[in-house]
């Protein structure tokens, strides 16, 4: 499960997953967090959005610890493994209708 995070400059992926995939860091970045600046590894990545035929190759994604982050849906509780940041959102027209509880994304 990925969460759209309008406050995130870069797209982030749970680092344990990136390591399980055997990816090696290609550098690091300092991120501003609620707890202050934190050093994170950067990894090469490509994200695909099933069913939409949308994929995006990145120079890098940021490896972060998303342990314990979940979203509750009608289908159950799902772990969050990625944060979709403004680097992806910059290519989208993203509309949130809070009254109707709807999100529309177009390209």
PDB file of N, CA and C in Angstrom:
ATOM      1  N   UNK A   1       0.854  -1.160   0.000  1.00  0.00           N
ATOM      2  CA  UNK A   1       0.000   0.000   0.000  1.00  0.00           C
ATOM      3  C   UNK A   1       0.911   1.237   0.000  1.00  0.00           C
ATOM      4  N   UNK A   2       0.593   2.164  -0.849  1.00  0.00           N
ATOM      5  CA  UNK A   2       1.320   3.432  -0.903  1.00  0.00           C
ATOM      6  C   UNK A   2       0.392   4.549  -0.446  1.00  0.00           C
ATOM      7  N   UNK A   3       0.954   5.518   0.220  1.00  0.00           N
ATOM      8  CA  UNK A   3       0.211   6.664   0.720  1.00  0.00           C
ATOM      9  C   UNK A   3       0.684   7.902  -0.023  1.00  0.00           C
ATOM     10  N   UNK A   4      -0.240   8.702  -0.523  1.00  0.00           N
ATOM     11  CA  UNK A   4       0.132   9.972  -1.138  1.00  0.00           C
ATOM     12  C   UNK A   4       0.508  10.928  -0.015  1.00  0.00           C
ATOM     13  N   UNK A   5       1.711  11.485  -0.103  1.00  0.00           N
ATOM     14  CA  UNK A   5       2.222  12.373   0.945  1.00  0.00           C
ATOM     15  C   UNK A   5       2.629  13.703   0.308  1.00  0.00           C
ATOM     16  N   UNK A   6       1.723  14.671   0.328  1.00  0.00           N
ATOM     17  CA  UNK A   6       1.997  15.964  -0.295  1.00  0.00           C
ATOM     18  C   UNK A   6       3.102  16.733   0.429  1.00  0.00           C
ATOM     19  N   UNK A   7       3.456  16.305   1.624  1.00  0.00           N
ATOM     20  CA  UNK A   7       4.534  16.948   2.362  1.00  0.00           C
ATOM     21  C   UNK A   7       5.902  16.366   2.059  1.00  0.00           C
ATOM     22  N   UNK A   8       5.942  15.260   1.325  1.00  0.00           N
ATOM     23  CA  UNK A   8       7.218  14.609   1.008  1.00  0.00           C
ATOM     24  C   UNK A   8       7.748  15.127  -0.325  1.00  0.00           C
ATOM     25  N   UNK A   9       8.937  15.666  -0.315  1.00  0.00           N
ATOM     26  CA  UNK A   9       9.570  16.126  -1.551  1.00  0.00           C
ATOM     27  C   UNK A   9       9.845  14.948  -2.474  1.00  0.00           C
ATOM     28  N   UNK A  10      10.359  13.862  -1.902  1.00  0.00           N
ATOM     29  CA  UNK A  10      10.736  12.677  -2.674  1.00  0.00           C
ATOM     30  C   UNK A  10       9.859  11.489  -2.322  1.00  0.00           C
ATOM     31  N   UNK A  11       9.707  10.587  -3.268  1.00  0.00           N
ATOM     32  CA  UNK A  11       9.019   9.334  -3.006  1.00  0.00           C
ATOM     33  C   UNK A  11       9.917   8.466  -2.139  1.00  0.00           C
ATOM     34  N   UNK A  12       9.303   7.833  -1.142  1.00  0.00           N
ATOM     35  CA  UNK A  12      10.032   7.017  -0.173  1.00  0.00           C
ATOM     36  C   UNK A  12       9.476   5.601  -0.171  1.00  0.00           C
ATOM     37  N   UNK A  13      10.353   4.635   0.069  1.00  0.00           N
ATOM     38  CA  UNK A  13       9.959   3.226   0.130  1.00  0.00           C
ATOM     39  C   UNK A  13      10.571   2.630   1.393  1.00  0.00           C
ATOM     40  N   UNK A  14       9.818   1.730   2.025  1.00  0.00           N
ATOM     41  CA  UNK A  14      10.301   1.058   3.239  1.00  0.00           C
ATOM     42  C   UNK A  14      11.653   0.406   2.934  1.00  0.00           C
ATOM     43  N   UNK A  15      12.680   0.805   3.659  1.00  0.00           N
ATOM     44  CA  UNK A  15      14.043   0.380   3.339  1.00  0.00           C
ATOM     45  C   UNK A  15      14.222  -1.133   3.429  1.00  0.00           C
ATOM     46  N   UNK A  16      13.547  -1.781   4.353  1.00  0.00           N
ATOM     47  CA  UNK A  16      13.679  -3.239   4.470  1.00  0.00           C
ATOM     48  C   UNK A  16      13.259  -3.931   3.170  1.00  0.00           C
ATOM     49  N   UNK A  17      12.267  -3.397   2.476  1.00  0.00           N
ATOM     50  CA  UNK A  17      11.826  -3.976   1.200  1.00  0.00           C
ATOM     51  C   UNK A  17      12.906  -3.771   0.139  1.00  0.00           C
ATOM     52  N   UNK A  18      13.477  -2.576   0.093  1.00  0.00           N
ATOM     53  CA  UNK A  18      14.539  -2.305  -0.880  1.00  0.00           C
ATOM     54  C   UNK A  18      15.727  -3.233  -0.657  1.00  0.00           C
ATOM     55  N   UNK A  19      16.054  -3.491   0.608  1.00  0.00           N
ATOM     56  CA  UNK A  19      17.164  -4.391   0.926  1.00  0.00           C
ATOM     57  C   UNK A  19      16.821  -5.831   0.574  1.00  0.00           C
ATOM     58  N   UNK A  20      15.555  -6.244   0.818  1.00  0.00           N
ATOM     59  CA  UNK A  20      15.111  -7.593   0.467  1.00  0.00           C
ATOM     60  C   UNK A  20      15.213  -7.817  -1.039  1.00  0.00           C
ATOM     61  N   UNK A  21      14.977  -6.759  -1.814  1.00  0.00           N
ATOM     62  CA  UNK A  21      15.091  -6.848  -3.274  1.00  0.00           C
ATOM     63  C   UNK A  21      16.539  -6.879  -3.744  1.00  0.00           C
ATOM     64  N   UNK A  22      17.472  -6.718  -2.815  1.00  0.00           N
ATOM     65  CA  UNK A  22      18.893  -6.774  -3.162  1.00  0.00           C
ATOM     66  C   UNK A  22      19.434  -5.497  -3.769  1.00  0.00           C
ATOM     67  N   UNK A  23      18.711  -4.383  -3.599  1.00  0.00           N
ATOM     68  CA  UNK A  23      19.185  -3.111  -4.143  1.00  0.00           C
ATOM     69  C   UNK A  23      20.281  -2.529  -3.259  1.00  0.00           C
ATOM     70  N   UNK A  24      21.260  -1.948  -3.899  1.00  0.00           N
ATOM     71  CA  UNK A  24      22.342  -1.297  -3.170  1.00  0.00           C
ATOM     72  C   UNK A  24      22.131   0.211  -3.179  1.00  0.00           C
ATOM     73  N   UNK A  25      22.405   0.871  -2.058  1.00  0.00           N
ATOM     74  CA  UNK A  25      22.267   2.330  -2.026  1.00  0.00           C
ATOM     75  C   UNK A  25      23.173   2.979  -3.069  1.00  0.00           C
ATOM     76  N   UNK A  26      22.686   4.086  -3.644  1.00  0.00           N
ATOM     77  CA  UNK A  26      23.482   4.826  -4.629  1.00  0.00           C
ATOM     78  C   UNK A  26      23.894   6.193  -4.082  1.00  0.00           C
ATOM     79  N   UNK A  27      23.625   6.417  -2.828  1.00  0.00           N
ATOM     80  CA  UNK A  27      23.958   7.682  -2.192  1.00  0.00           C
ATOM     81  C   UNK A  27      23.114   7.870  -0.960  1.00  0.00           C
ATOM     82  N   UNK A  28      23.132   9.084  -0.445  1.00  0.00           N
ATOM     83  CA  UNK A  28      22.327   9.374   0.737  1.00  0.00           C
ATOM     84  C   UNK A  28      21.771  10.789   0.622  1.00  0.00           C
ATOM     85  N   UNK A  29      20.816  11.071   1.478  1.00  0.00           N
ATOM     86  CA  UNK A  29      20.153  12.366   1.501  1.00  0.00           C
ATOM     87  C   UNK A  29      19.765  12.662   2.944  1.00  0.00           C
ATOM     88  N   UNK A  30      19.799  13.923   3.315  1.00  0.00           N
ATOM     89  CA  UNK A  30      19.312  14.324   4.627  1.00  0.00           C
ATOM     90  C   UNK A  30      17.881  14.810   4.468  1.00  0.00           C
ATOM     91  N   UNK A  31      16.974  14.197   5.226  1.00  0.00           N
ATOM     92  CA  UNK A  31      15.564  14.552   5.168  1.00  0.00           C
ATOM     93  C   UNK A  31      15.162  15.287   6.437  1.00  0.00           C
ATOM     94  N   UNK A  32      14.316  16.277   6.267  1.00  0.00           N
ATOM     95  CA  UNK A  32      13.755  16.956   7.424  1.00  0.00           C
ATOM     96  C   UNK A  32      12.550  16.173   7.914  1.00  0.00           C
ATOM     97  N   UNK A  33      12.536  15.791   9.170  1.00  0.00           N
ATOM     98  CA  UNK A  33      11.422  15.044   9.749  1.00  0.00           C
ATOM     99  C   UNK A  33      10.923  15.777  10.987  1.00  0.00           C
ATOM    100  N   UNK A  34       9.821  15.300  11.542  1.00  0.00           N
ATOM    101  CA  UNK A  34       9.293  15.889  12.774  1.00  0.00           C
ATOM    102  C   UNK A  34      10.304  15.776  13.910  1.00  0.00           C
ATOM    103  N   UNK A  35      11.178  14.774  13.841  1.00  0.00           N
ATOM    104  CA  UNK A  35      12.201  14.571  14.869  1.00  0.00           C
ATOM    105  C   UNK A  35      13.506  15.296  14.539  1.00  0.00           C
ATOM    106  N   UNK A  36      13.513  16.066  13.449  1.00  0.00           N
ATOM    107  CA  UNK A  36      14.727  16.776  13.030  1.00  0.00           C
ATOM    108  C   UNK A  36      15.348  16.100  11.819  1.00  0.00           C
ATOM    109  N   UNK A  37      16.535  16.574  11.391  1.00  0.00           N
ATOM    110  CA  UNK A  37      17.175  16.014  10.204  1.00  0.00           C
ATOM    111  C   UNK A  37      17.614  14.563  10.423  1.00  0.00           C
ATOM    112  N   UNK A  38      17.379  13.727   9.388  1.00  0.00           N
ATOM    113  CA  UNK A  38      17.739  12.310   9.440  1.00  0.00           C
ATOM    114  C   UNK A  38      18.408  11.940   8.127  1.00  0.00           C
ATOM    115  N   UNK A  39      19.481  11.177   8.206  1.00  0.00           N
ATOM    116  CA  UNK A  39      20.195  10.703   7.017  1.00  0.00           C
ATOM    117  C   UNK A  39      19.530   9.422   6.514  1.00  0.00           C
ATOM    118  N   UNK A  40      19.241   9.370   5.205  1.00  0.00           N
ATOM    119  CA  UNK A  40      18.612   8.204   4.586  1.00  0.00           C
ATOM    120  C   UNK A  40      19.397   7.799   3.349  1.00  0.00           C
ATOM    121  N   UNK A  41      19.357   6.504   3.037  1.00  0.00           N
ATOM    122  CA  UNK A  41      19.955   6.007   1.801  1.00  0.00           C
ATOM    123  C   UNK A  41      19.019   6.289   0.632  1.00  0.00           C
ATOM    124  N   UNK A  42      19.617   6.470  -0.543  1.00  0.00           N
ATOM    125  CA  UNK A  42      18.867   6.591  -1.796  1.00  0.00           C
ATOM    126  C   UNK A  42      19.098   5.315  -2.593  1.00  0.00           C
ATOM    127  N   UNK A  43      18.052   4.866  -3.295  1.00  0.00           N
ATOM    128  CA  UNK A  43      18.107   3.631  -4.077  1.00  0.00           C
ATOM    129  C   UNK A  43      17.547   3.873  -5.474  1.00  0.00           C
ATOM    130  N   UNK A  44      18.068   3.152  -6.482  1.00  0.00           N
ATOM    131  CA  UNK A  44      17.434   3.221  -7.799  1.00  0.00           C
ATOM    132  C   UNK A  44      16.096   2.502  -7.717  1.00  0.00           C
ATOM    133  N   UNK A  45      15.104   2.971  -8.445  1.00  0.00           N
ATOM    134  CA  UNK A  45      13.798   2.308  -8.356  1.00  0.00           C
ATOM    135  C   UNK A  45      12.930   2.619  -9.564  1.00  0.00           C
ATOM    136  N   UNK A  46      11.933   1.783  -9.719  1.00  0.00           N
ATOM    137  CA  UNK A  46      10.887   1.968 -10.717  1.00  0.00           C
ATOM    138  C   UNK A  46       9.590   1.565 -10.043  1.00  0.00           C
ATOM    139  N   UNK A  47       8.612   2.423 -10.066  1.00  0.00           N
ATOM    140  CA  UNK A  47       7.313   2.117  -9.484  1.00  0.00           C
ATOM    141  C   UNK A  47       6.313   1.858 -10.589  1.00  0.00           C
ATOM    142  N   UNK A  48       5.485   0.839 -10.397  1.00  0.00           N
ATOM    143  CA  UNK A  48       4.408   0.543 -11.324  1.00  0.00           C
ATOM    144  C   UNK A  48       3.098   0.582 -10.559  1.00  0.00           C
ATOM    145  N   UNK A  49       2.076   1.133 -11.187  1.00  0.00           N
ATOM    146  CA  UNK A  49       0.757   1.226 -10.591  1.00  0.00           C
ATOM    147  C   UNK A  49      -0.135   0.227 -11.311  1.00  0.00           C
ATOM    148  N   UNK A  50      -0.396  -0.936 -10.689  1.00  0.00           N
ATOM    149  CA  UNK A  50      -1.147  -2.009 -11.344  1.00  0.00           C
ATOM    150  C   UNK A  50      -2.513  -1.539 -11.851  1.00  0.00           C
ATOM    151  N   UNK A  51      -2.873  -2.056 -13.007  1.00  0.00           N
ATOM    152  CA  UNK A  51      -4.185  -1.781 -13.567  1.00  0.00           C
ATOM    153  C   UNK A  51      -4.264  -0.498 -14.372  1.00  0.00           C
ATOM    154  N   UNK A  52      -3.318   0.423 -14.177  1.00  0.00           N
ATOM    155  CA  UNK A  52      -3.364   1.696 -14.885  1.00  0.00           C
ATOM    156  C   UNK A  52      -2.339   1.769 -16.012  1.00  0.00           C
ATOM    157  N   UNK A  53      -1.408   0.825 -16.056  1.00  0.00           N
ATOM    158  CA  UNK A  53      -0.369   0.870 -17.065  1.00  0.00           C
ATOM    159  C   UNK A  53       0.592   2.027 -16.863  1.00  0.00           C
ATOM    160  N   UNK A  54       0.617   2.556 -15.646  1.00  0.00           N
ATOM    161  CA  UNK A  54       1.470   3.704 -15.342  1.00  0.00           C
ATOM    162  C   UNK A  54       2.717   3.191 -14.649  1.00  0.00           C
ATOM    163  N   UNK A  55       3.864   3.579 -15.144  1.00  0.00           N
ATOM    164  CA  UNK A  55       5.081   3.274 -14.421  1.00  0.00           C
ATOM    165  C   UNK A  55       5.991   4.478 -14.452  1.00  0.00           C
ATOM    166  N   UNK A  56       6.898   4.519 -13.515  1.00  0.00           N
ATOM    167  CA  UNK A  56       7.769   5.682 -13.380  1.00  0.00           C
ATOM    168  C   UNK A  56       9.131   5.205 -12.922  1.00  0.00           C
ATOM    169  N   UNK A  57      10.148   5.532 -13.689  1.00  0.00           N
ATOM    170  CA  UNK A  57      11.512   5.223 -13.292  1.00  0.00           C
ATOM    171  C   UNK A  57      12.079   6.460 -12.616  1.00  0.00           C
ATOM    172  N   UNK A  58      12.831   6.258 -11.565  1.00  0.00           N
ATOM    173  CA  UNK A  58      13.359   7.351 -10.761  1.00  0.00           C
ATOM    174  C   UNK A  58      14.873   7.384 -10.839  1.00  0.00           C
ATOM    175  N   UNK A  59      15.414   8.557 -10.649  1.00  0.00           N
ATOM    176  CA  UNK A  59      16.839   8.632 -10.391  1.00  0.00           C
ATOM    177  C   UNK A  59      17.102   7.915  -9.080  1.00  0.00           C
ATOM    178  N   UNK A  60      16.209   8.152  -8.105  1.00  0.00           N
ATOM    179  CA  UNK A  60      16.309   7.449  -6.832  1.00  0.00           C
ATOM    180  C   UNK A  60      15.034   7.633  -6.025  1.00  0.00           C
ATOM    181  N   UNK A  61      14.801   6.687  -5.113  1.00  0.00           N
ATOM    182  CA  UNK A  61      13.796   6.826  -4.074  1.00  0.00           C
ATOM    183  C   UNK A  61      14.551   6.814  -2.752  1.00  0.00           C
ATOM    184  N   UNK A  62      13.918   7.302  -1.717  1.00  0.00           N
ATOM    185  CA  UNK A  62      14.544   7.384  -0.409  1.00  0.00           C
ATOM    186  C   UNK A  62      14.107   6.176   0.415  1.00  0.00           C
ATOM    187  N   UNK A  63      15.067   5.487   1.009  1.00  0.00           N
ATOM    188  CA  UNK A  63      14.763   4.360   1.887  1.00  0.00           C
ATOM    189  C   UNK A  63      14.452   4.876   3.281  1.00  0.00           C
ATOM    190  N   UNK A  64      13.265   4.576   3.777  1.00  0.00           N
ATOM    191  CA  UNK A  64      12.847   5.046   5.105  1.00  0.00           C
ATOM    192  C   UNK A  64      12.283   3.871   5.895  1.00  0.00           C
ATOM    193  N   UNK A  65      12.125   4.081   7.193  1.00  0.00           N
ATOM    194  CA  UNK A  65      11.547   3.064   8.066  1.00  0.00           C
ATOM    195  C   UNK A  65      10.059   3.360   8.237  1.00  0.00           C
ATOM    196  N   UNK A  66       9.222   2.555   7.626  1.00  0.00           N
ATOM    197  CA  UNK A  66       7.771   2.717   7.741  1.00  0.00           C
ATOM    198  C   UNK A  66       7.152   1.634   8.637  1.00  0.00           C
ATOM    199  N   UNK A  67       7.976   0.994   9.452  1.00  0.00           N
ATOM    200  CA  UNK A  67       7.484  -0.031  10.372  1.00  0.00           C
ATOM    201  C   UNK A  67       6.360   0.531  11.235  1.00  0.00           C
ATOM    202  N   UNK A  68       5.281  -0.224  11.321  1.00  0.00           N
ATOM    203  CA  UNK A  68       4.163   0.171  12.176  1.00  0.00           C
ATOM    204  C   UNK A  68       3.204   1.162  11.552  1.00  0.00           C
ATOM    205  N   UNK A  69       3.419   1.523  10.281  1.00  0.00           N
ATOM    206  CA  UNK A  69       2.512   2.449   9.595  1.00  0.00           C
ATOM    207  C   UNK A  69       1.490   1.635   8.805  1.00  0.00           C
ATOM    208  N   UNK A  70       0.222   1.852   9.089  1.00  0.00           N
ATOM    209  CA  UNK A  70      -0.842   1.081   8.463  1.00  0.00           C
ATOM    210  C   UNK A  70      -1.962   2.002   8.002  1.00  0.00           C
ATOM    211  N   UNK A  71      -2.753   1.515   7.064  1.00  0.00           N
ATOM    212  CA  UNK A  71      -3.966   2.209   6.652  1.00  0.00           C
ATOM    213  C   UNK A  71      -5.111   1.211   6.802  1.00  0.00           C
ATOM    214  N   UNK A  72      -6.212   1.686   7.365  1.00  0.00           N
ATOM    215  CA  UNK A  72      -7.398   0.838   7.543  1.00  0.00           C
ATOM    216  C   UNK A  72      -8.379   1.118   6.407  1.00  0.00           C
ATOM    217  N   UNK A  73      -8.736   0.057   5.689  1.00  0.00           N
ATOM    218  CA  UNK A  73      -9.693   0.138   4.598  1.00  0.00           C
ATOM    219  C   UNK A  73     -10.796  -0.879   4.841  1.00  0.00           C
ATOM    220  N   UNK A  74     -11.809  -0.837   4.020  1.00  0.00           N
ATOM    221  CA  UNK A  74     -12.895  -1.805   4.157  1.00  0.00           C
ATOM    222  C   UNK A  74     -12.394  -3.233   3.929  1.00  0.00           C
ATOM    223  N   UNK A  75     -11.246  -3.382   3.250  1.00  0.00           N
ATOM    224  CA  UNK A  75     -10.672  -4.701   2.982  1.00  0.00           C
ATOM    225  C   UNK A  75      -9.732  -5.163   4.085  1.00  0.00           C
ATOM    226  N   UNK A  76      -9.578  -4.362   5.129  1.00  0.00           N
ATOM    227  CA  UNK A  76      -8.724  -4.737   6.253  1.00  0.00           C
ATOM    228  C   UNK A  76      -7.638  -3.713   6.510  1.00  0.00           C
ATOM    229  N   UNK A  77      -6.669  -4.106   7.317  1.00  0.00           N
ATOM    230  CA  UNK A  77      -5.547  -3.250   7.677  1.00  0.00           C
ATOM    231  C   UNK A  77      -4.363  -3.632   6.795  1.00  0.00           C
ATOM    232  N   UNK A  78      -3.772  -2.628   6.142  1.00  0.00           N
ATOM    233  CA  UNK A  78      -2.680  -2.873   5.200  1.00  0.00           C
ATOM    234  C   UNK A  78      -1.454  -2.061   5.600  1.00  0.00           C
ATOM    235  N   UNK A  79      -0.266  -2.667   5.563  1.00  0.00           N
ATOM    236  CA  UNK A  79       0.945  -1.903   5.877  1.00  0.00           C
ATOM    237  C   UNK A  79       1.258  -0.904   4.768  1.00  0.00           C
ATOM    238  N   UNK A  80       1.723   0.262   5.152  1.00  0.00           N
ATOM    239  CA  UNK A  80       2.185   1.255   4.182  1.00  0.00           C
ATOM    240  C   UNK A  80       3.639   0.936   3.876  1.00  0.00           C
ATOM    241  N   UNK A  81       3.951   0.750   2.594  1.00  0.00           N
ATOM    242  CA  UNK A  81       5.327   0.425   2.211  1.00  0.00           C
ATOM    243  C   UNK A  81       5.967   1.530   1.373  1.00  0.00           C
ATOM    244  N   UNK A  82       5.168   2.540   0.993  1.00  0.00           N
ATOM    245  CA  UNK A  82       5.726   3.633   0.196  1.00  0.00           C
ATOM    246  C   UNK A  82       4.948   4.912   0.440  1.00  0.00           C
ATOM    247  N   UNK A  83       5.642   6.019   0.308  1.00  0.00           N
ATOM    248  CA  UNK A  83       5.047   7.351   0.353  1.00  0.00           C
ATOM    249  C   UNK A  83       5.262   7.977  -1.016  1.00  0.00           C
ATOM    250  N   UNK A  84       4.181   8.317  -1.695  1.00  0.00           N
ATOM    251  CA  UNK A  84       4.283   8.943  -3.013  1.00  0.00           C
ATOM    252  C   UNK A  84       4.461  10.439  -2.794  1.00  0.00           C
ATOM    253  N   UNK A  85       5.636  10.942  -3.155  1.00  0.00           N
ATOM    254  CA  UNK A  85       5.983  12.336  -2.898  1.00  0.00           C
ATOM    255  C   UNK A  85       5.706  13.256  -4.078  1.00  0.00           C
ATOM    256  N   UNK A  86       6.093  14.511  -3.883  1.00  0.00           N
ATOM    257  CA  UNK A  86       5.827  15.531  -4.901  1.00  0.00           C
ATOM    258  C   UNK A  86       6.614  15.311  -6.182  1.00  0.00           C
ATOM    259  N   UNK A  87       7.675  14.497  -6.148  1.00  0.00           N
ATOM    260  CA  UNK A  87       8.394  14.194  -7.387  1.00  0.00           C
ATOM    261  C   UNK A  87       7.496  13.441  -8.364  1.00  0.00           C
ATOM    262  N   UNK A  88       6.558  12.633  -7.876  1.00  0.00           N
ATOM    263  CA  UNK A  88       5.576  11.954  -8.721  1.00  0.00           C
ATOM    264  C   UNK A  88       4.365  12.854  -8.934  1.00  0.00           C
ATOM    265  N   UNK A  89       3.895  13.461  -7.866  1.00  0.00           N
ATOM    266  CA  UNK A  89       2.699  14.307  -7.958  1.00  0.00           C
ATOM    267  C   UNK A  89       2.883  15.464  -8.931  1.00  0.00           C
ATOM    268  N   UNK A  90       4.122  15.875  -9.167  1.00  0.00           N
ATOM    269  CA  UNK A  90       4.397  16.981 -10.091  1.00  0.00           C
ATOM    270  C   UNK A  90       3.940  16.651 -11.514  1.00  0.00           C
ATOM    271  N   UNK A  91       3.812  15.354 -11.825  1.00  0.00           N
ATOM    272  CA  UNK A  91       3.378  14.926 -13.163  1.00  0.00           C
ATOM    273  C   UNK A  91       1.874  14.659 -13.231  1.00  0.00           C
ATOM    274  N   UNK A  92       1.173  14.803 -12.121  1.00  0.00           N
ATOM    275  CA  UNK A  92      -0.247  14.468 -12.028  1.00  0.00           C
ATOM    276  C   UNK A  92      -1.096  15.708 -11.803  1.00  0.00           C
ATOM    277  N   UNK A  93      -2.338  15.620 -12.220  1.00  0.00           N
ATOM    278  CA  UNK A  93      -3.359  16.563 -11.765  1.00  0.00           C
ATOM    279  C   UNK A  93      -4.122  15.780 -10.706  1.00  0.00           C
ATOM    280  N   UNK A  94      -3.965  16.194  -9.475  1.00  0.00           N
ATOM    281  CA  UNK A  94      -4.492  15.467  -8.323  1.00  0.00           C
ATOM    282  C   UNK A  94      -5.588  16.312  -7.689  1.00  0.00           C
ATOM    283  N   UNK A  95      -6.810  15.780  -7.652  1.00  0.00           N
ATOM    284  CA  UNK A  95      -7.935  16.512  -7.088  1.00  0.00           C
ATOM    285  C   UNK A  95      -8.519  15.697  -5.944  1.00  0.00           C
ATOM    286  N   UNK A  96      -8.644  16.336  -4.780  1.00  0.00           N
ATOM    287  CA  UNK A  96      -9.248  15.684  -3.620  1.00  0.00           C
ATOM    288  C   UNK A  96     -10.556  16.379  -3.305  1.00  0.00           C
ATOM    289  N   UNK A  97     -11.647  15.634  -3.365  1.00  0.00           N
ATOM    290  CA  UNK A  97     -12.963  16.149  -3.028  1.00  0.00           C
ATOM    291  C   UNK A  97     -13.320  15.595  -1.653  1.00  0.00           C
ATOM    292  N   UNK A  98     -13.047  16.378  -0.615  1.00  0.00           N
ATOM    293  CA  UNK A  98     -13.276  15.933   0.753  1.00  0.00           C
ATOM    294  C   UNK A  98     -14.733  15.680   1.067  1.00  0.00           C
ATOM    295  N   UNK A  99     -15.618  16.479   0.511  1.00  0.00           N
ATOM    296  CA  UNK A  99     -17.049  16.314   0.768  1.00  0.00           C
ATOM    297  C   UNK A  99     -17.530  14.953   0.277  1.00  0.00           C
ATOM    298  N   UNK A 100     -17.107  14.568  -0.927  1.00  0.00           N
ATOM    299  CA  UNK A 100     -17.526  13.292  -1.500  1.00  0.00           C
ATOM    300  C   UNK A 100     -16.600  12.150  -1.096  1.00  0.00           C
ATOM    301  N   UNK A 101     -15.426  12.482  -0.524  1.00  0.00           N
ATOM    302  CA  UNK A 101     -14.465  11.439  -0.162  1.00  0.00           C
ATOM    303  C   UNK A 101     -13.850  10.785  -1.384  1.00  0.00           C
ATOM    304  N   UNK A 102     -13.620  11.596  -2.434  1.00  0.00           N
ATOM    305  CA  UNK A 102     -13.099  11.064  -3.693  1.00  0.00           C
ATOM    306  C   UNK A 102     -11.771  11.717  -4.070  1.00  0.00           C
ATOM    307  N   UNK A 103     -10.954  10.927  -4.726  1.00  0.00           N
ATOM    308  CA  UNK A 103      -9.691  11.399  -5.281  1.00  0.00           C
ATOM    309  C   UNK A 103      -9.715  11.134  -6.776  1.00  0.00           C
ATOM    310  N   UNK A 104      -9.288  12.113  -7.570  1.00  0.00           N
ATOM    311  CA  UNK A 104      -9.172  11.954  -9.014  1.00  0.00           C
ATOM    312  C   UNK A 104      -7.740  12.270  -9.409  1.00  0.00           C
ATOM    313  N   UNK A 105      -7.169  11.392 -10.205  1.00  0.00           N
ATOM    314  CA  UNK A 105      -5.799  11.592 -10.701  1.00  0.00           C
ATOM    315  C   UNK A 105      -5.838  11.510 -12.217  1.00  0.00           C
ATOM    316  N   UNK A 106      -5.256  12.502 -12.868  1.00  0.00           N
ATOM    317  CA  UNK A 106      -5.124  12.449 -14.323  1.00  0.00           C
ATOM    318  C   UNK A 106      -3.709  12.892 -14.684  1.00  0.00           C
ATOM    319  N   UNK A 107      -3.333  12.634 -15.939  1.00  0.00           N
ATOM    320  CA  UNK A 107      -1.947  12.860 -16.363  1.00  0.00           C
ATOM    321  C   UNK A 107      -1.899  13.777 -17.541  1.00  0.00           C
TER     322      UNK A 107
END
